[in-house]
Amino acid sequence: EFELNLSWVGGERGGSVSAIYDYAGAHPDDEPAQKVLVPQGYPAIKLKKFFVTDDPWLSEPETTRSKLPPSFSATIYKGMNHDLNYLSDEDAERHFAEDGKNEDRIYSSLPLVIKSWLREELIKM
């Protein structure tokens, strides 16, 4: 049996799981919610949400960088993001260019690094 003390959530639905959404203002997997919940000791649900690809392409201005990073692999992108595994390679590229790049989805074999906000939070603990 797994128990999680949610008394710190407070509010109208304090102590219930749905109160986490109210407290954090978003789904617990979303980065803004994680920034609120992690300092409270809320456990990680999807560890891949705490990492970002260590790719210089991500730091380049969007106006001057290529549509896709040179390291992009449709096979890796679909394999690491199971909700996209039905896409064709062309559709996977389109998805990344339009949405995936802003969702911190894994897209290449480049190393992953822990997100800076989480690194800072863990150092405080």
Foldseek 3Di string as FASTA:
>chain_A
DDDDAQQVLDDPPTRDPVSLCVSQVHPCLDPSSVLVCVLVVDDDDDVLSQKAFPDVLLVDDPVPGDLDDPFFDLVVQCVQVVVCVVDDSVVSSVCCSVPVSVSRGDGGPGDIDGDPSVVVSVVVD
